[in-house]
Amino acid sequence: HIHTHIGAYAADAGVDHFIAIGPIAGLAVDGFEQRSHVGQAHRFGTKHEAAELLASLDSNHVILVKGSRSAKMEDIVNALKD
């Protein structure tokens, strides 16, 4: 499944925190967890739940935000810029 491959790719790229929103994006977390030995994967049902974690991260982290277009991921990206 493409989502699983995305998670594996992120793990191989050295992503520290993999954040997925929604049930299908959770497949990407599965792929990440199968490949990463040091990164942390996070599954969230809503972007509001994810925002709490994002607030605890800083510019020293490599972050890949994964979610469907309907989840309006630009809200998460904008939160990261602040």
PDB file of N, CA and C in Angstrom:
ATOM      1  N   HIS A   1       0.847  -1.182   0.000  1.00  0.00           N
ATOM      2  CA  HIS A   1       0.000   0.000   0.000  1.00  0.00           C
ATOM      3  C   HIS A   1       0.886   1.237   0.000  1.00  0.00           C
ATOM      4  N   ILE A   2       0.502   2.262  -0.749  1.00  0.00           N
ATOM      5  CA  ILE A   2       1.329   3.454  -0.913  1.00  0.00           C
ATOM      6  C   ILE A   2       1.601   4.152   0.413  1.00  0.00           C
ATOM      7  N   HIS A   3       0.632   4.186   1.311  1.00  0.00           N
ATOM      8  CA  HIS A   3       0.850   4.841   2.597  1.00  0.00           C
ATOM      9  C   HIS A   3       1.938   4.131   3.413  1.00  0.00           C
ATOM     10  N   THR A   4       1.941   2.821   3.376  1.00  0.00           N
ATOM     11  CA  THR A   4       2.956   2.060   4.089  1.00  0.00           C
ATOM     12  C   THR A   4       4.342   2.388   3.540  1.00  0.00           C
ATOM     13  N   HIS A   5       4.451   2.526   2.230  1.00  0.00           N
ATOM     14  CA  HIS A   5       5.728   2.859   1.594  1.00  0.00           C
ATOM     15  C   HIS A   5       6.187   4.268   1.979  1.00  0.00           C
ATOM     16  N   ILE A   6       5.240   5.184   2.116  1.00  0.00           N
ATOM     17  CA  ILE A   6       5.591   6.552   2.523  1.00  0.00           C
ATOM     18  C   ILE A   6       6.213   6.535   3.919  1.00  0.00           C
ATOM     19  N   GLY A   7       5.621   5.773   4.816  1.00  0.00           N
ATOM     20  CA  GLY A   7       6.173   5.664   6.161  1.00  0.00           C
ATOM     21  C   GLY A   7       7.561   5.057   6.168  1.00  0.00           C
ATOM     22  N   ALA A   8       7.756   4.013   5.369  1.00  0.00           N
ATOM     23  CA  ALA A   8       9.072   3.378   5.275  1.00  0.00           C
ATOM     24  C   ALA A   8      10.099   4.347   4.694  1.00  0.00           C
ATOM     25  N   TYR A   9       9.697   5.103   3.686  1.00  0.00           N
ATOM     26  CA  TYR A   9      10.587   6.100   3.087  1.00  0.00           C
ATOM     27  C   TYR A   9      11.015   7.134   4.118  1.00  0.00           C
ATOM     28  N   ALA A  10      10.056   7.594   4.919  1.00  0.00           N
ATOM     29  CA  ALA A  10      10.366   8.580   5.958  1.00  0.00           C
ATOM     30  C   ALA A  10      11.362   8.017   6.966  1.00  0.00           C
ATOM     31  N   ALA A  11      11.176   6.769   7.340  1.00  0.00           N
ATOM     32  CA  ALA A  11      12.099   6.130   8.287  1.00  0.00           C
ATOM     33  C   ALA A  11      13.495   6.050   7.691  1.00  0.00           C
ATOM     34  N   ASP A  12      13.580   5.647   6.430  1.00  0.00           N
ATOM     35  CA  ASP A  12      14.872   5.538   5.761  1.00  0.00           C
ATOM     36  C   ASP A  12      15.552   6.902   5.615  1.00  0.00           C
ATOM     37  N   ALA A  13      14.749   7.958   5.527  1.00  0.00           N
ATOM     38  CA  ALA A  13      15.286   9.316   5.376  1.00  0.00           C
ATOM     39  C   ALA A  13      15.735   9.909   6.713  1.00  0.00           C
ATOM     40  N   GLY A  14      15.481   9.211   7.810  1.00  0.00           N
ATOM     41  CA  GLY A  14      15.934   9.684   9.115  1.00  0.00           C
ATOM     42  C   GLY A  14      14.972  10.610   9.828  1.00  0.00           C
ATOM     43  N   VAL A  15      13.711  10.545   9.491  1.00  0.00           N
ATOM     44  CA  VAL A  15      12.707  11.392  10.135  1.00  0.00           C
ATOM     45  C   VAL A  15      12.631  11.053  11.618  1.00  0.00           C
ATOM     46  N   ASP A  16      12.623  12.078  12.470  1.00  0.00           N
ATOM     47  CA  ASP A  16      12.567  11.904  13.924  1.00  0.00           C
ATOM     48  C   ASP A  16      11.159  11.616  14.428  1.00  0.00           C
ATOM     49  N   HIS A  17      10.203  12.387  13.942  1.00  0.00           N
ATOM     50  CA  HIS A  17       8.811  12.255  14.369  1.00  0.00           C
ATOM     51  C   HIS A  17       7.930  12.158  13.130  1.00  0.00           C
ATOM     52  N   PHE A  18       7.184  11.099  13.031  1.00  0.00           N
ATOM     53  CA  PHE A  18       6.257  10.898  11.916  1.00  0.00           C
ATOM     54  C   PHE A  18       4.856  11.065  12.486  1.00  0.00           C
ATOM     55  N   ILE A  19       4.145  12.067  11.997  1.00  0.00           N
ATOM     56  CA  ILE A  19       2.828  12.414  12.519  1.00  0.00           C
ATOM     57  C   ILE A  19       1.791  12.138  11.442  1.00  0.00           C
ATOM     58  N   ALA A  20       0.839  11.260  11.744  1.00  0.00           N
ATOM     59  CA  ALA A  20      -0.211  10.907  10.780  1.00  0.00           C
ATOM     60  C   ALA A  20      -1.571  11.224  11.376  1.00  0.00           C
ATOM     61  N   ILE A  21      -2.437  11.752  10.536  1.00  0.00           N
ATOM     62  CA  ILE A  21      -3.783  12.125  10.969  1.00  0.00           C
ATOM     63  C   ILE A  21      -4.789  11.342  10.148  1.00  0.00           C
ATOM     64  N   GLY A  22      -5.660  10.625  10.838  1.00  0.00           N
ATOM     65  CA  GLY A  22      -6.709   9.860  10.183  1.00  0.00           C
ATOM     66  C   GLY A  22      -6.356   8.389  10.046  1.00  0.00           C
ATOM     67  N   PRO A  23      -7.374   7.566   9.827  1.00  0.00           N
ATOM     68  CA  PRO A  23      -7.170   6.110   9.820  1.00  0.00           C
ATOM     69  C   PRO A  23      -6.322   5.594   8.656  1.00  0.00           C
ATOM     70  N   ILE A  24      -6.481   6.132   7.481  1.00  0.00           N
ATOM     71  CA  ILE A  24      -5.701   5.647   6.344  1.00  0.00           C
ATOM     72  C   ILE A  24      -4.246   6.063   6.491  1.00  0.00           C
ATOM     73  N   ALA A  25      -4.013   7.266   6.963  1.00  0.00           N
ATOM     74  CA  ALA A  25      -2.638   7.716   7.183  1.00  0.00           C
ATOM     75  C   ALA A  25      -1.960   6.873   8.251  1.00  0.00           C
ATOM     76  N   GLY A  26      -2.741   6.223   9.084  1.00  0.00           N
ATOM     77  CA  GLY A  26      -2.175   5.326  10.076  1.00  0.00           C
ATOM     78  C   GLY A  26      -1.383   4.199   9.448  1.00  0.00           C
ATOM     79  N   LEU A  27      -1.700   3.836   8.211  1.00  0.00           N
ATOM     80  CA  LEU A  27      -0.918   2.819   7.498  1.00  0.00           C
ATOM     81  C   LEU A  27       0.519   3.298   7.292  1.00  0.00           C
ATOM     82  N   ALA A  28       0.689   4.591   7.112  1.00  0.00           N
ATOM     83  CA  ALA A  28       2.034   5.137   6.968  1.00  0.00           C
ATOM     84  C   ALA A  28       2.807   4.989   8.272  1.00  0.00           C
ATOM     85  N   VAL A  29       2.119   5.132   9.392  1.00  0.00           N
ATOM     86  CA  VAL A  29       2.761   4.920  10.692  1.00  0.00           C
ATOM     87  C   VAL A  29       3.251   3.480  10.794  1.00  0.00           C
ATOM     88  N   ASP A  30       2.442   2.547  10.314  1.00  0.00           N
ATOM     89  CA  ASP A  30       2.855   1.141  10.327  1.00  0.00           C
ATOM     90  C   ASP A  30       4.160   0.955   9.561  1.00  0.00           C
ATOM     91  N   GLY A  31       4.245   1.542   8.378  1.00  0.00           N
ATOM     92  CA  GLY A  31       5.454   1.436   7.571  1.00  0.00           C
ATOM     93  C   GLY A  31       6.648   2.083   8.249  1.00  0.00           C
ATOM     94  N   PHE A  32       6.410   3.217   8.882  1.00  0.00           N
ATOM     95  CA  PHE A  32       7.471   3.910   9.598  1.00  0.00           C
ATOM     96  C   PHE A  32       7.977   3.071  10.766  1.00  0.00           C
ATOM     97  N   GLU A  33       7.058   2.536  11.540  1.00  0.00           N
ATOM     98  CA  GLU A  33       7.437   1.756  12.716  1.00  0.00           C
ATOM     99  C   GLU A  33       8.171   0.470  12.336  1.00  0.00           C
ATOM    100  N   GLN A  34       7.844  -0.091  11.197  1.00  0.00           N
ATOM    101  CA  GLN A  34       8.524  -1.305  10.753  1.00  0.00           C
ATOM    102  C   GLN A  34       9.985  -1.039  10.382  1.00  0.00           C
ATOM    103  N   ARG A  35      10.292   0.203   9.942  1.00  0.00           N
ATOM    104  CA  ARG A  35      11.633   0.502   9.447  1.00  0.00           C
ATOM    105  C   ARG A  35      12.491   1.310  10.411  1.00  0.00           C
ATOM    106  N   SER A  36      11.871   2.179  11.192  1.00  0.00           N
ATOM    107  CA  SER A  36      12.644   3.089  12.031  1.00  0.00           C
ATOM    108  C   SER A  36      12.997   2.448  13.365  1.00  0.00           C
ATOM    109  N   HIS A  37      14.244   2.660  13.764  1.00  0.00           N
ATOM    110  CA  HIS A  37      14.687   2.165  15.058  1.00  0.00           C
ATOM    111  C   HIS A  37      14.899   3.308  16.041  1.00  0.00           C
ATOM    112  N   VAL A  38      14.864   4.534  15.557  1.00  0.00           N
ATOM    113  CA  VAL A  38      15.112   5.676  16.433  1.00  0.00           C
ATOM    114  C   VAL A  38      13.998   6.724  16.398  1.00  0.00           C
ATOM    115  N   GLY A  39      13.249   6.790  15.320  1.00  0.00           N
ATOM    116  CA  GLY A  39      12.200   7.792  15.201  1.00  0.00           C
ATOM    117  C   GLY A  39      10.962   7.416  15.984  1.00  0.00           C
ATOM    118  N   GLN A  40      10.114   8.406  16.177  1.00  0.00           N
ATOM    119  CA  GLN A  40       8.863   8.198  16.882  1.00  0.00           C
ATOM    120  C   GLN A  40       7.698   8.468  15.931  1.00  0.00           C
ATOM    121  N   ALA A  41       6.743   7.557  15.906  1.00  0.00           N
ATOM    122  CA  ALA A  41       5.555   7.722  15.073  1.00  0.00           C
ATOM    123  C   ALA A  41       4.377   8.070  15.966  1.00  0.00           C
ATOM    124  N   HIS A  42       3.501   8.915  15.444  1.00  0.00           N
ATOM    125  CA  HIS A  42       2.353   9.378  16.204  1.00  0.00           C
ATOM    126  C   HIS A  42       1.112   9.313  15.319  1.00  0.00           C
ATOM    127  N   ARG A  43       0.069   8.668  15.819  1.00  0.00           N
ATOM    128  CA  ARG A  43      -1.219   8.599  15.119  1.00  0.00           C
ATOM    129  C   ARG A  43      -2.201   9.508  15.843  1.00  0.00           C
ATOM    130  N   PHE A  44      -2.922  10.291  15.065  1.00  0.00           N
ATOM    131  CA  PHE A  44      -3.943  11.158  15.642  1.00  0.00           C
ATOM    132  C   PHE A  44      -5.230  11.062  14.841  1.00  0.00           C
ATOM    133  N   GLY A  45      -6.328  11.195  15.543  1.00  0.00           N
ATOM    134  CA  GLY A  45      -7.621  11.194  14.886  1.00  0.00           C
ATOM    135  C   GLY A  45      -7.960  12.550  14.292  1.00  0.00           C
ATOM    136  N   THR A  46      -7.459  13.611  14.943  1.00  0.00           N
ATOM    137  CA  THR A  46      -7.747  14.975  14.483  1.00  0.00           C
ATOM    138  C   THR A  46      -6.477  15.811  14.486  1.00  0.00           C
ATOM    139  N   LYS A  47      -6.485  16.874  13.706  1.00  0.00           N
ATOM    140  CA  LYS A  47      -5.317  17.746  13.681  1.00  0.00           C
ATOM    141  C   LYS A  47      -5.189  18.538  14.973  1.00  0.00           C
ATOM    142  N   HIS A  48      -6.294  18.701  15.706  1.00  0.00           N
ATOM    143  CA  HIS A  48      -6.212  19.386  16.997  1.00  0.00           C
ATOM    144  C   HIS A  48      -5.379  18.567  17.975  1.00  0.00           C
ATOM    145  N   GLU A  49      -5.530  17.257  17.937  1.00  0.00           N
ATOM    146  CA  GLU A  49      -4.713  16.379  18.775  1.00  0.00           C
ATOM    147  C   GLU A  49      -3.247  16.479  18.363  1.00  0.00           C
ATOM    148  N   ALA A  50      -2.981  16.532  17.084  1.00  0.00           N
ATOM    149  CA  ALA A  50      -1.613  16.632  16.577  1.00  0.00           C
ATOM    150  C   ALA A  50      -0.983  17.962  16.967  1.00  0.00           C
ATOM    151  N   ALA A  51      -1.768  19.015  17.013  1.00  0.00           N
ATOM    152  CA  ALA A  51      -1.242  20.344  17.328  1.00  0.00           C
ATOM    153  C   ALA A  51      -0.586  20.370  18.704  1.00  0.00           C
ATOM    154  N   GLU A  52      -1.086  19.614  19.638  1.00  0.00           N
ATOM    155  CA  GLU A  52      -0.486  19.575  20.973  1.00  0.00           C
ATOM    156  C   GLU A  52       0.941  19.040  20.905  1.00  0.00           C
ATOM    157  N   LEU A  53       1.144  17.987  20.132  1.00  0.00           N
ATOM    158  CA  LEU A  53       2.491  17.429  19.986  1.00  0.00           C
ATOM    159  C   LEU A  53       3.389  18.404  19.246  1.00  0.00           C
ATOM    160  N   LEU A  54       2.886  18.988  18.184  1.00  0.00           N
ATOM    161  CA  LEU A  54       3.697  19.915  17.393  1.00  0.00           C
ATOM    162  C   LEU A  54       4.209  21.070  18.240  1.00  0.00           C
ATOM    163  N   ALA A  55       3.412  21.512  19.187  1.00  0.00           N
ATOM    164  CA  ALA A  55       3.818  22.618  20.050  1.00  0.00           C
ATOM    165  C   ALA A  55       5.020  22.252  20.911  1.00  0.00           C
ATOM    166  N   SER A  56       5.233  20.962  21.133  1.00  0.00           N
ATOM    167  CA  SER A  56       6.351  20.532  21.974  1.00  0.00           C
ATOM    168  C   SER A  56       7.640  20.313  21.185  1.00  0.00           C
ATOM    169  N   LEU A  57       7.578  20.388  19.869  1.00  0.00           N
ATOM    170  CA  LEU A  57       8.757  20.177  19.024  1.00  0.00           C
ATOM    171  C   LEU A  57       9.397  21.511  18.679  1.00  0.00           C
ATOM    172  N   ASP A  58      10.669  21.468  18.308  1.00  0.00           N
ATOM    173  CA  ASP A  58      11.352  22.699  17.932  1.00  0.00           C
ATOM    174  C   ASP A  58      12.062  22.532  16.592  1.00  0.00           C
ATOM    175  N   SER A  59      12.811  23.540  16.205  1.00  0.00           N
ATOM    176  CA  SER A  59      13.451  23.542  14.884  1.00  0.00           C
ATOM    177  C   SER A  59      14.576  22.521  14.765  1.00  0.00           C
ATOM    178  N   ASN A  60      14.920  21.849  15.836  1.00  0.00           N
ATOM    179  CA  ASN A  60      15.943  20.799  15.768  1.00  0.00           C
ATOM    180  C   ASN A  60      15.378  19.467  15.308  1.00  0.00           C
ATOM    181  N   HIS A  61      14.071  19.350  15.180  1.00  0.00           N
ATOM    182  CA  HIS A  61      13.430  18.107  14.771  1.00  0.00           C
ATOM    183  C   HIS A  61      13.182  18.094  13.272  1.00  0.00           C
ATOM    184  N   VAL A  62      13.309  16.908  12.684  1.00  0.00           N
ATOM    185  CA  VAL A  62      12.887  16.682  11.302  1.00  0.00           C
ATOM    186  C   VAL A  62      11.470  16.143  11.401  1.00  0.00           C
ATOM    187  N   ILE A  63      10.526  16.792  10.759  1.00  0.00           N
ATOM    188  CA  ILE A  63       9.118  16.438  10.909  1.00  0.00           C
ATOM    189  C   ILE A  63       8.501  16.208   9.538  1.00  0.00           C
ATOM    190  N   LEU A  64       7.808  15.079   9.391  1.00  0.00           N
ATOM    191  CA  LEU A  64       7.011  14.812   8.204  1.00  0.00           C
ATOM    192  C   LEU A  64       5.561  14.759   8.654  1.00  0.00           C
ATOM    193  N   VAL A  65       4.740  15.622   8.123  1.00  0.00           N
ATOM    194  CA  VAL A  65       3.322  15.655   8.446  1.00  0.00           C
ATOM    195  C   VAL A  65       2.590  14.910   7.351  1.00  0.00           C
ATOM    196  N   LYS A  66       1.800  13.885   7.708  1.00  0.00           N
ATOM    197  CA  LYS A  66       1.082  13.075   6.721  1.00  0.00           C
ATOM    198  C   LYS A  66      -0.396  13.105   7.029  1.00  0.00           C
ATOM    199  N   GLY A  67      -1.191  13.480   6.062  1.00  0.00           N
ATOM    200  CA  GLY A  67      -2.642  13.469   6.200  1.00  0.00           C
ATOM    201  C   GLY A  67      -3.291  13.682   4.848  1.00  0.00           C
ATOM    202  N   SER A  68      -4.563  13.386   4.759  1.00  0.00           N
ATOM    203  CA  SER A  68      -5.266  13.552   3.490  1.00  0.00           C
ATOM    204  C   SER A  68      -5.469  15.031   3.188  1.00  0.00           C
ATOM    205  N   ARG A  69      -5.680  15.334   1.949  1.00  0.00           N
ATOM    206  CA  ARG A  69      -5.909  16.724   1.536  1.00  0.00           C
ATOM    207  C   ARG A  69      -7.140  17.292   2.243  1.00  0.00           C
ATOM    208  N   SER A  70      -8.125  16.465   2.463  1.00  0.00           N
ATOM    209  CA  SER A  70      -9.338  16.943   3.118  1.00  0.00           C
ATOM    210  C   SER A  70      -9.091  17.336   4.578  1.00  0.00           C
ATOM    211  N   ALA A  71      -7.961  16.910   5.127  1.00  0.00           N
ATOM    212  CA  ALA A  71      -7.614  17.268   6.507  1.00  0.00           C
ATOM    213  C   ALA A  71      -7.030  18.678   6.601  1.00  0.00           C
ATOM    214  N   LYS A  72      -6.864  19.343   5.466  1.00  0.00           N
ATOM    215  CA  LYS A  72      -6.327  20.709   5.416  1.00  0.00           C
ATOM    216  C   LYS A  72      -4.983  20.798   6.135  1.00  0.00           C
ATOM    217  N   MET A  73      -4.041  20.054   5.632  1.00  0.00           N
ATOM    218  CA  MET A  73      -2.738  19.972   6.273  1.00  0.00           C
ATOM    219  C   MET A  73      -1.992  21.303   6.297  1.00  0.00           C
ATOM    220  N   GLU A  74      -2.434  22.263   5.499  1.00  0.00           N
ATOM    221  CA  GLU A  74      -1.791  23.576   5.562  1.00  0.00           C
ATOM    222  C   GLU A  74      -1.929  24.186   6.952  1.00  0.00           C
ATOM    223  N   ASP A  75      -2.970  23.802   7.694  1.00  0.00           N
ATOM    224  CA  ASP A  75      -3.110  24.276   9.078  1.00  0.00           C
ATOM    225  C   ASP A  75      -1.950  23.788   9.938  1.00  0.00           C
ATOM    226  N   ILE A  76      -1.555  22.552   9.749  1.00  0.00           N
ATOM    227  CA  ILE A  76      -0.424  21.988  10.492  1.00  0.00           C
ATOM    228  C   ILE A  76       0.867  22.639  10.037  1.00  0.00           C
ATOM    229  N   VAL A  77       1.044  22.792   8.737  1.00  0.00           N
ATOM    230  CA  VAL A  77       2.257  23.415   8.212  1.00  0.00           C
ATOM    231  C   VAL A  77       2.379  24.838   8.746  1.00  0.00           C
ATOM    232  N   ASN A  78       1.298  25.569   8.758  1.00  0.00           N
ATOM    233  CA  ASN A  78       1.330  26.942   9.279  1.00  0.00           C
ATOM    234  C   ASN A  78       1.653  26.965  10.767  1.00  0.00           C
ATOM    235  N   ALA A  79       1.147  25.998  11.514  1.00  0.00           N
ATOM    236  CA  ALA A  79       1.466  25.907  12.940  1.00  0.00           C
ATOM    237  C   ALA A  79       2.952  25.659  13.143  1.00  0.00           C
ATOM    238  N   LEU A  80       3.556  24.887  12.254  1.00  0.00           N
ATOM    239  CA  LEU A  80       4.995  24.624  12.365  1.00  0.00           C
ATOM    240  C   LEU A  80       5.819  25.869  12.100  1.00  0.00           C
ATOM    241  N   LYS A  81       5.329  26.756  11.278  1.00  0.00           N
ATOM    242  CA  LYS A  81       6.057  27.961  10.935  1.00  0.00           C
ATOM    243  C   LYS A  81       6.072  28.964  12.084  1.00  0.00           C
ATOM    244  N   ASP A  82       5.094  28.878  12.952  1.00  0.00           N
ATOM    245  CA  ASP A  82       4.995  29.846  14.073  1.00  0.00           C
ATOM    246  C   ASP A  82       5.999  29.602  15.149  1.00  0.00           C
TER     247      ASP A  82
END
